[in-house]
Amino acid sequence: MYKHAIITGGSSGIGKAIAKLLVQSGSSISIIARTQTKLDSTKAELETLKIHPNQQILAIFADVSEREQIESAIASAIMQLGVPDLLITSAGIAHPGYFAELPVAIFEQTMAINYFGTLYCIKAALPSMIQQRKGHIVAISSGAGLIGLYGYTPYSPSKFAVRGLAESLRGELKTAGIDISIVYPPDTDTPQLVAENKTKPLETKLITQSAQTMTAEKVAFDILLGIKRKAFVITPGIEMSLLMRFHSLFAPILQWYFDRIVRRSRHIKEPNNNNA
């Protein structure tokens, strides 16, 4: 149980699944997201899961890519519920597509939300956490933050950046009494994955079709288990565990495999083009 946990992206997907488990464990939480209707419905759902009357649930509107908005949201959460014992940066977006066809604005937006959104949240919450010399920060990266994926040129670099931030911060925060974890989830059955599938190139669909897809609830459970163990790296599922440990060795094999799938996809596309 946590006296106060702050979760960005807490109205949907992995963030929401974590919020539900925390509420069911007796924690008070603040969820932050940029869609007010989802925030309202999620808060109402979480209220039904409380196990004691002293638990509090805040739902705060903010876009993590807007620094002043997220700083204000976290300041408000701290003012109402106190310094967070736990900060989870789960807000994120993905927009797959061919690099040459994607507008630069997509790359800028993805980096703004996935990387700078994570950085802004940590910067906003950290001073109060350092002052109390305790707390745990959890940054959500991705399997695509371990190895670049075809069709994910906006997304993979942003998640690589989150990884770099967490690894760079680990030693610095340890001296201040703050724990940090970096999470590499696999494909997870969430509304974001549904949205991704709408713009995925054929090659990307073929590459990812055999990958393990986990439920948001199972990913959330594994994340909280990793937090309890104070693990720096949290890898839900066996595939992510193997990829994390051996991605440097696997990279040439995976790249060969990806290239083979891409070549095969060309043969699938060509009959369609000839019939057009």
Protein backbone atom coordinates (compact mmCIF):
# COMPACT_ATOMS: atom_id res chain seq x y z
CA MET A 1 0.00 0.00 0.00
CA TYR A 2 1.18 3.50 -0.86
CA LYS A 3 0.10 6.67 0.88
CA HIS A 4 0.10 8.45 -2.48
CA ALA A 5 0.84 7.16 -5.98
CA ILE A 6 0.80 9.42 -9.04
CA ILE A 7 0.14 7.77 -12.40
CA THR A 8 0.25 9.59 -15.72
CA GLY A 9 -1.79 8.00 -18.47
CA GLY A 10 -3.87 6.60 -15.62
CA SER A 11 -7.21 6.66 -17.43
CA SER A 12 -6.41 3.95 -19.97
CA GLY A 13 -4.31 0.89 -20.76
CA ILE A 14 -1.42 -0.10 -18.50
CA GLY A 15 -1.73 3.05 -16.38
CA LYS A 16 -5.37 2.34 -15.60
CA ALA A 17 -4.65 -1.32 -14.83
CA ILE A 18 -1.93 -0.26 -12.36
CA ALA A 19 -4.29 2.28 -10.78
CA LYS A 20 -6.93 -0.41 -10.20
CA LEU A 21 -4.46 -2.75 -8.50
CA LEU A 22 -3.14 0.05 -6.30
CA VAL A 23 -6.62 1.11 -5.21
CA GLN A 24 -7.48 -2.52 -4.44
CA SER A 25 -4.37 -2.67 -2.24
CA GLY A 26 -5.54 0.35 -0.22
CA SER A 27 -3.46 3.12 -1.82
CA SER A 28 -4.56 6.68 -2.45
CA ILE A 29 -3.78 7.73 -6.01
CA SER A 30 -3.74 10.62 -8.44
CA ILE A 31 -4.36 9.79 -12.08
CA ILE A 32 -3.35 12.32 -14.72
CA ALA A 33 -4.50 12.24 -18.34
CA ARG A 34 -5.50 14.57 -21.15
CA THR A 35 -9.04 13.31 -21.88
CA GLN A 36 -11.52 14.56 -19.30
CA THR A 37 -14.27 12.05 -20.13
CA LYS A 38 -11.91 9.10 -19.65
CA LEU A 39 -10.62 10.62 -16.42
CA ASP A 40 -14.15 11.00 -15.05
CA SER A 41 -15.22 7.46 -15.95
CA THR A 42 -12.00 5.93 -14.62
CA LYS A 43 -12.27 7.84 -11.34
CA ALA A 44 -15.84 6.59 -10.90
CA GLU A 45 -14.68 3.04 -11.55
CA LEU A 46 -11.78 3.35 -9.12
CA GLU A 47 -14.06 4.72 -6.40
CA THR A 48 -15.92 1.39 -6.40
CA LEU A 49 -12.67 -0.50 -5.74
CA LYS A 50 -11.64 1.30 -2.54
CA ILE A 51 -11.16 -0.95 0.47
CA HIS A 52 -11.29 1.68 3.20
CA PRO A 53 -13.03 5.06 3.50
CA ASN A 54 -9.84 7.08 4.01
CA GLN A 55 -8.56 6.33 0.51
CA GLN A 56 -8.62 9.28 -1.85
CA ILE A 57 -8.63 9.32 -5.63
CA LEU A 58 -7.80 12.42 -7.63
CA ALA A 59 -8.35 12.76 -11.37
CA ILE A 60 -6.39 15.67 -12.84
CA PHE A 61 -6.48 16.89 -16.42
CA ALA A 62 -3.09 17.62 -17.99
CA ASP A 63 -1.12 16.98 -21.16
CA VAL A 64 2.29 15.65 -20.12
CA SER A 65 3.91 17.24 -23.18
CA GLU A 66 2.93 20.69 -21.90
CA ARG A 67 5.45 21.41 -19.15
CA GLU A 68 3.43 24.04 -17.30
CA GLN A 69 0.30 21.84 -17.34
CA ILE A 70 2.02 18.78 -15.90
CA GLU A 71 3.97 20.80 -13.34
CA SER A 72 0.71 22.35 -12.15
CA ALA A 73 -1.03 18.95 -12.07
CA ILE A 74 1.68 17.31 -9.98
CA ALA A 75 1.88 20.31 -7.65
CA SER A 76 -1.88 20.07 -7.14
CA ALA A 77 -1.69 16.33 -6.43
CA ILE A 78 1.08 16.85 -3.89
CA MET A 79 -0.77 19.70 -2.21
CA GLN A 80 -3.91 17.56 -1.80
CA LEU A 81 -2.51 14.10 -1.04
CA GLY A 82 1.10 14.73 -0.03
CA VAL A 83 4.47 13.77 -1.46
CA PRO A 84 4.17 10.69 -3.69
CA ASP A 85 5.68 7.41 -2.54
CA LEU A 86 5.33 6.24 -6.12
CA LEU A 87 5.42 8.04 -9.48
CA ILE A 88 4.60 6.05 -12.62
CA THR A 89 4.99 7.74 -16.01
CA SER A 90 2.72 5.67 -18.22
CA ALA A 91 1.40 8.31 -20.64
CA GLY A 92 2.52 7.62 -24.18
CA ILE A 93 1.57 7.48 -27.85
CA ALA A 94 2.64 5.51 -30.92
CA HIS A 95 1.96 6.26 -34.58
CA PRO A 96 3.58 3.65 -36.84
CA GLY A 97 4.22 4.34 -40.50
CA TYR A 98 6.84 4.63 -43.21
CA PHE A 99 9.55 7.13 -42.27
CA ALA A 100 9.46 8.87 -45.66
CA GLU A 101 5.70 9.36 -45.46
CA LEU A 102 5.31 10.48 -41.86
CA PRO A 103 5.25 14.25 -41.22
CA VAL A 104 7.91 15.65 -38.92
CA ALA A 105 5.12 16.76 -36.58
CA ILE A 106 4.46 13.10 -35.67
CA PHE A 107 8.09 12.65 -34.60
CA GLU A 108 7.99 15.85 -32.57
CA GLN A 109 4.70 14.96 -30.86
CA THR A 110 5.87 11.43 -30.03
CA MET A 111 9.11 12.64 -28.48
CA ALA A 112 7.27 15.42 -26.64
CA ILE A 113 4.84 13.00 -24.98
CA ASN A 114 6.93 9.86 -24.52
CA TYR A 115 10.29 11.38 -23.55
CA PHE A 116 9.78 14.97 -22.45
CA GLY A 117 6.48 14.01 -20.80
CA THR A 118 8.42 11.53 -18.68
CA LEU A 119 11.18 14.04 -17.94
CA TYR A 120 8.75 16.84 -16.98
CA CYS A 121 6.93 14.56 -14.53
CA ILE A 122 10.12 13.42 -12.83
CA LYS A 123 11.45 16.97 -12.60
CA ALA A 124 8.17 18.15 -11.07
CA ALA A 125 7.86 15.42 -8.43
CA LEU A 126 11.50 14.81 -7.58
CA PRO A 127 12.29 17.81 -5.30
CA SER A 128 9.62 16.82 -2.79
CA MET A 129 10.64 13.16 -2.98
CA ILE A 130 14.29 14.06 -2.35
CA GLN A 131 13.24 16.19 0.60
CA GLN A 132 11.58 13.19 2.26
CA ARG A 133 14.45 10.93 1.06
CA LYS A 134 12.21 8.15 -0.13
CA GLY A 135 10.03 7.20 -3.06
CA HIS A 136 10.04 5.15 -6.23
CA ILE A 137 9.91 6.41 -9.83
CA VAL A 138 8.81 4.04 -12.60
CA ALA A 139 9.35 5.00 -16.25
CA ILE A 140 7.50 2.98 -18.88
CA SER A 141 9.62 2.30 -21.95
CA SER A 142 8.88 -0.55 -24.41
CA GLY A 143 10.38 -3.57 -26.09
CA ALA A 144 10.82 -1.09 -28.94
CA GLY A 145 13.13 0.80 -26.59
CA LEU A 146 15.53 -2.15 -26.67
CA ILE A 147 15.67 -2.76 -30.42
CA GLY A 148 14.47 -0.52 -33.25
CA LEU A 149 11.44 -1.83 -35.13
CA TYR A 150 10.53 -1.38 -38.77
CA GLY A 151 7.71 1.15 -39.02
CA TYR A 152 8.30 2.59 -35.55
CA THR A 153 10.76 5.36 -36.39
CA PRO A 154 8.87 7.96 -34.31
CA TYR A 155 8.25 5.61 -31.37
CA SER A 156 11.42 3.54 -30.90
CA PRO A 157 13.78 6.54 -30.52
CA SER A 158 11.46 8.12 -27.94
CA LYS A 159 11.49 4.93 -25.88
CA PHE A 160 15.26 4.57 -26.29
CA ALA A 161 15.46 8.07 -24.81
CA VAL A 162 13.35 7.05 -21.80
CA ARG A 163 15.72 4.14 -21.26
CA GLY A 164 18.72 6.46 -21.39
CA LEU A 165 17.12 8.84 -18.92
CA ALA A 166 16.40 6.08 -16.39
CA GLU A 167 19.84 4.52 -16.71
CA SER A 168 21.52 7.92 -16.31
CA LEU A 169 19.37 8.83 -13.29
CA ARG A 170 19.73 5.53 -11.44
CA GLY A 171 23.01 6.26 -9.65
CA GLU A 172 22.16 9.91 -9.03
CA LEU A 173 18.83 9.09 -7.39
CA LYS A 174 20.25 6.20 -5.38
CA THR A 175 22.41 8.64 -3.40
CA ALA A 176 19.26 10.63 -2.60
CA GLY A 177 17.37 7.60 -1.32
CA ILE A 178 15.08 7.36 -4.37
CA ASP A 179 14.52 4.13 -6.30
CA ILE A 180 13.91 4.11 -10.05
CA SER A 181 12.72 1.38 -12.40
CA ILE A 182 12.52 1.14 -16.18
CA VAL A 183 9.81 -1.09 -17.67
CA TYR A 184 9.93 -2.80 -21.07
CA PRO A 185 6.41 -4.08 -21.78
CA PRO A 186 5.67 -6.27 -24.81
CA ASP A 187 2.70 -5.59 -27.08
CA THR A 188 -0.17 -5.09 -24.65
CA ASP A 189 -3.89 -5.39 -25.35
CA THR A 190 -4.81 -1.72 -24.89
CA PRO A 191 -6.64 1.01 -26.83
CA GLN A 192 -3.22 2.30 -27.90
CA LEU A 193 -2.41 -1.01 -29.62
CA VAL A 194 -5.74 -0.87 -31.44
CA ALA A 195 -4.87 2.63 -32.66
CA GLU A 196 -1.38 1.51 -33.72
CA ASN A 197 -2.78 -1.30 -35.83
CA LYS A 198 -4.67 1.24 -37.95
CA THR A 199 -1.47 2.77 -39.31
CA LYS A 200 1.00 -0.13 -39.10
CA PRO A 201 2.73 -0.89 -42.40
CA LEU A 202 2.20 -4.42 -43.68
CA GLU A 203 5.84 -5.22 -42.93
CA THR A 204 5.38 -4.20 -39.30
CA LYS A 205 2.24 -6.31 -38.95
CA LEU A 206 4.11 -9.36 -40.27
CA ILE A 207 7.08 -8.73 -37.96
CA THR A 208 4.91 -8.32 -34.84
CA GLN A 209 2.18 -10.88 -35.55
CA SER A 210 4.00 -13.70 -33.76
CA ALA A 211 5.04 -11.57 -30.79
CA GLN A 212 3.56 -12.20 -27.37
CA THR A 213 0.61 -9.95 -26.53
CA MET A 214 -0.14 -9.56 -22.83
CA THR A 215 -3.19 -8.18 -21.07
CA ALA A 216 -2.85 -4.80 -19.39
CA GLU A 217 -3.77 -6.47 -16.10
CA LYS A 218 -0.91 -9.00 -16.33
CA VAL A 219 1.59 -6.29 -17.29
CA ALA A 220 0.40 -4.15 -14.37
CA PHE A 221 0.76 -7.09 -11.97
CA ASP A 222 4.32 -7.76 -13.15
CA ILE A 223 5.21 -4.07 -12.83
CA LEU A 224 3.98 -3.87 -9.25
CA LEU A 225 5.82 -7.08 -8.42
CA GLY A 226 9.02 -5.57 -9.83
CA ILE A 227 8.47 -2.39 -7.82
CA LYS A 228 8.01 -4.44 -4.66
CA ARG A 229 11.34 -6.14 -5.37
CA LYS A 230 12.95 -2.73 -6.07
CA ALA A 231 14.10 -4.05 -9.45
CA PHE A 232 15.73 -1.48 -11.69
CA VAL A 233 14.71 -3.33 -14.88
CA ILE A 234 11.18 -4.76 -15.10
CA THR A 235 10.43 -7.02 -18.07
CA PRO A 236 6.87 -8.39 -18.16
CA GLY A 237 6.76 -11.72 -19.98
CA ILE A 238 9.48 -14.17 -20.98
CA GLU A 239 10.07 -12.59 -24.41
CA MET A 240 10.96 -9.20 -22.93
CA SER A 241 13.14 -10.86 -20.28
CA LEU A 242 15.14 -12.63 -22.99
CA LEU A 243 15.29 -9.54 -25.20
CA MET A 244 16.56 -7.41 -22.33
CA ARG A 245 19.32 -9.85 -21.42
CA PHE A 246 20.44 -10.79 -24.92
CA HIS A 247 19.30 -8.00 -27.27
CA SER A 248 22.87 -7.14 -28.28
CA LEU A 249 23.51 -10.77 -29.23
CA PHE A 250 20.07 -11.20 -30.80
CA ALA A 251 20.24 -7.98 -32.84
CA PRO A 252 21.97 -9.39 -35.97
CA ILE A 253 19.64 -12.41 -36.00
CA LEU A 254 16.55 -10.27 -35.48
CA GLN A 255 17.62 -7.85 -38.20
CA TRP A 256 18.14 -10.74 -40.62
CA TYR A 257 14.71 -12.08 -39.66
CA PHE A 258 13.07 -8.66 -40.08
CA ASP A 259 14.71 -8.18 -43.49
CA ARG A 260 13.44 -11.57 -44.59
CA ILE A 261 9.89 -10.63 -43.58
CA VAL A 262 10.16 -7.29 -45.39
CA ARG A 263 11.26 -9.05 -48.59
CA ARG A 264 8.35 -11.45 -48.26
CA SER A 265 5.92 -8.57 -47.78
CA ARG A 266 7.00 -7.15 -51.13
CA HIS A 267 5.71 -10.31 -52.83
CA ILE A 268 2.40 -9.93 -50.99
CA LYS A 269 2.06 -6.31 -52.14
CA GLU A 270 3.05 -6.84 -55.78
CA PRO A 271 -0.05 -8.82 -56.87
CA ASN A 272 -2.25 -6.11 -55.38
CA ASN A 273 -0.34 -3.44 -57.28
CA ASN A 274 -0.59 -5.38 -60.54
CA ASN A 275 -4.34 -5.78 -60.14
CA ALA A 276 -4.91 -2.10 -59.38
